[in-house]
Amino acid sequence: MPTTESADNDQLFVLTAVLLTPGQFPSVLGDDYPEVCAGLGLEPYAEGYGLVLGQDGGGARWTVVTEDVSLVACAIAAWDCGMEYDLSPGEGSIVAALPGWPLALAVSAPGVPAPHDPEQQEGEPAPLCPPDAEEWGPAQRRLGADEIALQWTMWREQVDGEVTFAEPGDEAHEGVRRVLKEARGYLAEPPPPGRVRSSFAAGEARTLRVDGPGWSMVARTDDIAFVLLDEEPGEVHPVGRGPELPGLLSSLDELAARPV
């Protein structure tokens, strides 16, 4: 198993890694990049970080924060292709070794005790723990938007010819109108980094992820959008193209942060 070194020079058995940049971060942790950084006690530097999650020799959970974003990106790409990659950030690139994990993991390192939080010393921060996503709220709303972006084709097929689309000016969909108004406001006053993110989609299209206070929107620049609201648990509102949405999505894509 890949290893690296924690701050106290104890061997760390690496289980996984994620990127924390303005264009790519675990959505469950916040609506934008600065919010996620604040939750981890990190400065929201534009270059971003890599988060390496693992266990020390005693089984304790640790999250190593590194400035070597390229190294972590290469490791993730290799693992996604089923290849081995020894993720060992240089000591000079390590920003912090934080107790606990900010994300839930279903795996553990072999040959060491079961995952547990390290013993907390007086004055030290509490160990990181994943947000509670069991009940509907911001964390689950953002996870729902992640799932739609990941399974776009399936969600899109469900609404073809079977759903009445919410339109930007439709008085019957107050929540959708509010979301579109706030998203349009981002064009006049750019939001914090990461509130608008753009990633590859089929053809020449882009997948947009736009978040705001109490809402998330997932869209394809050549297609429709889906809106999720904190005040409507489990509901997903498809938004039709209409005369306004194409221009809004195109403009949002121009200011969006992109993955490393």
Protein backbone atom coordinates (compact mmCIF):
# COMPACT_ATOMS: atom_id res chain seq x y z
CA MET A 1 0.00 0.00 0.00
CA PRO A 2 1.31 3.50 -0.74
CA THR A 3 2.85 5.24 2.23
CA THR A 4 3.86 8.72 3.17
CA GLU A 5 5.05 10.36 6.38
CA SER A 6 2.89 12.20 8.90
CA ALA A 7 4.06 15.22 10.85
CA ASP A 8 5.45 13.07 13.66
CA ASN A 9 7.37 10.88 11.18
CA ASP A 10 5.03 7.94 11.80
CA GLN A 11 4.33 5.94 8.67
CA LEU A 12 1.01 6.71 7.03
CA PHE A 13 -0.81 4.03 5.06
CA VAL A 14 -2.53 5.94 2.27
CA LEU A 15 -6.13 4.93 1.57
CA THR A 16 -7.24 7.63 -0.85
CA ALA A 17 -6.67 11.24 -1.85
CA VAL A 18 -8.80 14.11 -3.11
CA LEU A 19 -8.12 17.49 -4.63
CA LEU A 20 -9.04 20.71 -2.88
CA THR A 21 -8.85 23.48 -5.48
CA PRO A 22 -11.25 26.23 -6.61
CA GLY A 23 -12.33 24.07 -9.53
CA GLN A 24 -12.48 20.69 -7.83
CA PHE A 25 -13.25 19.84 -4.21
CA PRO A 26 -15.53 17.47 -2.27
CA SER A 27 -18.89 19.22 -2.64
CA VAL A 28 -20.26 17.63 0.53
CA LEU A 29 -17.91 19.84 2.55
CA GLY A 30 -19.23 23.22 1.39
CA ASP A 31 -20.79 25.43 -1.27
CA ASP A 32 -17.48 26.97 -2.33
CA TYR A 33 -13.72 26.61 -2.02
CA PRO A 34 -13.14 29.15 0.78
CA GLU A 35 -15.92 27.56 2.85
CA VAL A 36 -14.32 24.12 2.56
CA CYS A 37 -10.88 25.51 3.39
CA ALA A 38 -12.27 27.30 6.44
CA GLY A 39 -13.78 24.05 7.69
CA LEU A 40 -10.33 22.44 7.52
CA GLY A 41 -8.50 25.41 9.00
CA LEU A 42 -6.65 26.16 5.75
CA GLU A 43 -5.98 29.38 3.89
CA PRO A 44 -7.89 29.44 0.56
CA TYR A 45 -4.82 29.80 -1.66
CA ALA A 46 -5.63 29.90 -5.38
CA GLU A 47 -3.23 27.03 -6.13
CA GLY A 48 -5.16 24.69 -3.85
CA TYR A 49 -4.14 21.56 -1.98
CA GLY A 50 -4.17 17.80 -2.11
CA LEU A 51 -5.72 15.89 0.80
CA VAL A 52 -4.20 12.48 1.54
CA LEU A 53 -6.32 10.29 3.81
CA GLY A 54 -4.78 7.35 5.62
CA GLN A 55 -3.96 5.56 8.87
CA ASP A 56 -0.82 5.57 10.95
CA GLY A 57 0.81 2.42 12.32
CA GLY A 58 -1.61 2.41 15.25
CA GLY A 59 -4.66 2.65 12.97
CA ALA A 60 -5.44 6.30 13.75
CA ARG A 61 -7.07 8.40 11.04
CA TRP A 62 -5.01 11.26 9.59
CA THR A 63 -5.48 13.74 6.76
CA VAL A 64 -2.21 15.02 5.34
CA VAL A 65 -2.50 18.33 3.48
CA THR A 66 0.04 18.91 0.72
CA GLU A 67 0.71 21.81 -1.61
CA ASP A 68 1.83 19.36 -4.32
CA VAL A 69 -1.47 19.39 -6.19
CA SER A 70 0.04 17.92 -9.37
CA LEU A 71 1.36 14.88 -7.50
CA VAL A 72 -2.04 14.16 -5.97
CA ALA A 73 -3.78 14.71 -9.33
CA CYS A 74 -1.42 12.22 -10.98
CA ALA A 75 -2.04 9.66 -8.25
CA ILE A 76 -5.82 9.99 -8.55
CA ALA A 77 -5.64 9.65 -12.35
CA ALA A 78 -3.48 6.53 -12.06
CA TRP A 79 -5.75 4.92 -9.48
CA ASP A 80 -8.81 5.69 -11.62
CA CYS A 81 -7.12 3.73 -14.42
CA GLY A 82 -6.43 0.79 -12.11
CA MET A 83 -2.70 1.51 -11.94
CA GLU A 84 -0.49 1.56 -8.87
CA TYR A 85 0.95 4.88 -7.75
CA ASP A 86 3.06 5.50 -4.69
CA LEU A 87 1.72 8.76 -3.30
CA SER A 88 4.47 10.16 -1.10
CA PRO A 89 4.43 13.96 -0.90
CA GLY A 90 7.78 15.52 -0.09
CA GLU A 91 8.16 16.70 3.48
CA GLY A 92 8.62 20.28 2.27
CA SER A 93 5.23 20.23 0.54
CA ILE A 94 3.25 19.10 3.59
CA VAL A 95 1.19 21.94 5.06
CA ALA A 96 -0.45 20.07 7.92
CA ALA A 97 -1.31 16.66 9.32
CA LEU A 98 -4.87 16.91 10.61
CA PRO A 99 -6.40 14.27 12.91
CA GLY A 100 -9.43 12.45 11.54
CA TRP A 101 -10.97 12.31 8.07
CA PRO A 102 -13.32 14.92 6.56
CA LEU A 103 -14.89 12.24 4.35
CA ALA A 104 -16.40 8.85 5.14
CA LEU A 105 -14.28 5.92 3.93
CA ALA A 106 -15.40 2.31 3.73
CA VAL A 107 -11.83 0.96 3.45
CA SER A 108 -9.03 0.52 5.95
CA ALA A 109 -5.35 -0.38 5.91
CA PRO A 110 -4.52 -4.09 6.35
CA GLY A 111 -2.37 -5.20 9.25
CA VAL A 112 -3.16 -2.24 11.52
CA PRO A 113 -5.95 -1.66 14.07
CA ALA A 114 -9.37 -0.54 12.85
CA PRO A 115 -9.68 3.16 11.94
CA HIS A 116 -10.10 5.41 14.96
CA ASP A 117 -9.41 9.03 15.81
CA PRO A 118 -6.02 9.72 17.37
CA GLU A 119 -5.92 10.60 21.04
CA GLN A 120 -6.60 14.30 21.42
CA GLN A 121 -4.14 16.38 23.38
CA GLU A 122 -5.24 19.43 25.34
CA GLY A 123 -5.46 22.49 23.14
CA GLU A 124 -5.46 20.52 19.88
CA PRO A 125 -8.33 20.82 17.39
CA ALA A 126 -11.03 18.16 17.41
CA PRO A 127 -10.51 15.40 14.83
CA LEU A 128 -12.10 15.95 11.44
CA CYS A 129 -15.32 14.07 10.80
CA PRO A 130 -17.62 13.79 7.75
CA PRO A 131 -20.69 16.04 7.58
CA ASP A 132 -23.96 14.43 8.61
CA ALA A 133 -25.65 13.58 5.33
CA GLU A 134 -28.20 11.12 6.71
CA GLU A 135 -31.04 13.65 6.64
CA TRP A 136 -31.87 16.25 4.02
CA GLY A 137 -29.85 19.42 4.38
CA PRO A 138 -26.98 21.26 2.65
CA ALA A 139 -24.64 18.25 2.66
CA GLN A 140 -27.20 15.85 1.20
CA ARG A 141 -28.43 18.49 -1.26
CA ARG A 142 -24.88 18.90 -2.58
CA LEU A 143 -24.40 15.12 -2.74
CA GLY A 144 -27.64 14.90 -4.73
CA ALA A 145 -26.31 17.44 -7.20
CA ASP A 146 -23.09 15.43 -7.47
CA GLU A 147 -25.11 12.34 -8.33
CA ILE A 148 -27.05 14.14 -11.06
CA ALA A 149 -23.82 15.43 -12.61
CA LEU A 150 -22.35 11.92 -12.50
CA GLN A 151 -25.48 10.21 -13.88
CA TRP A 152 -26.62 12.97 -16.22
CA THR A 153 -27.84 10.70 -19.01
CA MET A 154 -30.03 8.67 -16.64
CA TRP A 155 -31.58 11.78 -15.09
CA ARG A 156 -32.06 13.42 -18.47
CA GLU A 157 -33.88 10.37 -19.84
CA GLN A 158 -36.28 10.43 -16.89
CA VAL A 159 -37.54 13.91 -17.73
CA ASP A 160 -37.86 13.53 -21.52
CA GLY A 161 -41.52 14.01 -22.33
CA GLU A 162 -42.66 13.16 -18.80
CA VAL A 163 -42.12 16.32 -16.79
CA THR A 164 -43.43 19.86 -16.92
CA PHE A 165 -40.32 22.00 -16.97
CA ALA A 166 -39.96 24.96 -14.68
CA GLU A 167 -39.29 28.04 -16.75
CA PRO A 168 -37.25 31.05 -15.60
CA GLY A 169 -40.32 33.32 -15.46
CA ASP A 170 -42.80 30.78 -14.14
CA GLU A 171 -44.57 32.21 -11.09
CA ALA A 172 -45.46 28.70 -9.93
CA HIS A 173 -41.82 27.89 -9.17
CA GLU A 174 -40.72 30.56 -6.73
CA GLY A 175 -37.69 28.56 -5.58
CA VAL A 176 -36.44 28.03 -9.11
CA ARG A 177 -36.93 31.70 -9.94
CA ARG A 178 -34.91 32.65 -6.86
CA VAL A 179 -32.08 30.30 -7.84
CA LEU A 180 -31.91 31.64 -11.38
CA LYS A 181 -31.98 35.21 -10.12
CA GLU A 182 -29.13 34.55 -7.69
CA ALA A 183 -27.15 32.69 -10.35
CA ARG A 184 -27.64 35.63 -12.72
CA GLY A 185 -26.39 37.90 -9.95
CA TYR A 186 -23.07 36.05 -10.05
CA LEU A 187 -22.46 37.61 -13.47
CA ALA A 188 -22.57 41.12 -12.01
CA GLU A 189 -20.81 40.29 -8.75
CA PRO A 190 -18.59 37.18 -8.99
CA PRO A 191 -19.15 34.79 -6.07
CA PRO A 192 -16.45 33.14 -3.93
CA PRO A 193 -14.19 30.75 -5.91
CA GLY A 194 -15.80 27.39 -6.50
CA ARG A 195 -19.42 28.54 -6.35
CA VAL A 196 -19.43 28.05 -10.13
CA ARG A 197 -17.48 25.10 -11.52
CA SER A 198 -17.18 23.78 -15.07
CA SER A 199 -16.07 20.33 -16.21
CA PHE A 200 -16.00 18.32 -19.42
CA ALA A 201 -19.20 16.90 -20.88
CA ALA A 202 -20.09 15.08 -24.10
CA GLY A 203 -19.15 16.77 -27.34
CA GLU A 204 -18.24 20.42 -26.93
CA ALA A 205 -20.60 20.95 -23.99
CA ARG A 206 -19.62 21.63 -20.40
CA THR A 207 -21.18 20.42 -17.18
CA LEU A 208 -21.85 23.33 -14.84
CA ARG A 209 -22.17 23.06 -11.09
CA VAL A 210 -23.49 26.20 -9.44
CA ASP A 211 -24.16 26.51 -5.71
CA GLY A 212 -25.58 29.20 -3.46
CA PRO A 213 -27.16 29.65 -0.05
CA GLY A 214 -29.63 26.78 0.23
CA TRP A 215 -29.49 25.61 -3.39
CA SER A 216 -27.52 23.72 -6.02
CA MET A 217 -27.87 23.69 -9.80
CA VAL A 218 -26.45 21.19 -12.27
CA ALA A 219 -26.62 21.94 -15.99
CA ARG A 220 -25.18 21.17 -19.38
CA THR A 221 -24.36 24.21 -21.47
CA ASP A 222 -26.13 22.63 -24.46
CA ASP A 223 -29.12 21.31 -22.52
CA ILE A 224 -31.32 21.85 -19.44
CA ALA A 225 -30.63 22.38 -15.75
CA PHE A 226 -31.66 20.67 -12.52
CA VAL A 227 -32.24 22.61 -9.30
CA LEU A 228 -32.20 21.26 -5.73
CA LEU A 229 -33.38 23.31 -2.74
CA ASP A 230 -32.77 22.91 0.98
CA GLU A 231 -36.40 23.79 1.69
CA GLU A 232 -37.74 21.01 -0.56
CA PRO A 233 -36.24 17.71 0.67
CA GLY A 234 -35.53 15.22 -2.08
CA GLU A 235 -37.14 17.30 -4.83
CA VAL A 236 -35.33 17.85 -8.13
CA HIS A 237 -36.67 20.58 -10.44
CA PRO A 238 -35.82 20.34 -14.15
CA VAL A 239 -35.46 23.78 -15.74
CA GLY A 240 -36.24 24.04 -19.44
CA ARG A 241 -34.00 25.83 -21.93
CA GLY A 242 -36.45 28.60 -22.72
CA PRO A 243 -35.15 31.95 -24.02
CA GLU A 244 -33.03 32.78 -20.96
CA LEU A 245 -31.23 29.65 -19.78
CA PRO A 246 -28.79 29.19 -22.72
CA GLY A 247 -27.31 32.66 -22.32
CA LEU A 248 -27.12 32.34 -18.54
CA LEU A 249 -25.29 29.01 -18.72
CA SER A 250 -22.86 30.32 -21.33
CA SER A 251 -22.04 33.35 -19.20
CA LEU A 252 -21.64 31.27 -16.05
CA ASP A 253 -19.26 28.96 -17.88
CA GLU A 254 -17.04 31.91 -18.75
CA LEU A 255 -16.47 32.77 -15.10
CA ALA A 256 -16.41 29.20 -13.80
CA ALA A 257 -13.43 27.58 -12.10
CA ARG A 258 -12.09 24.50 -13.88
CA PRO A 259 -10.44 21.32 -12.58
CA VAL A 260 -6.66 21.02 -12.41
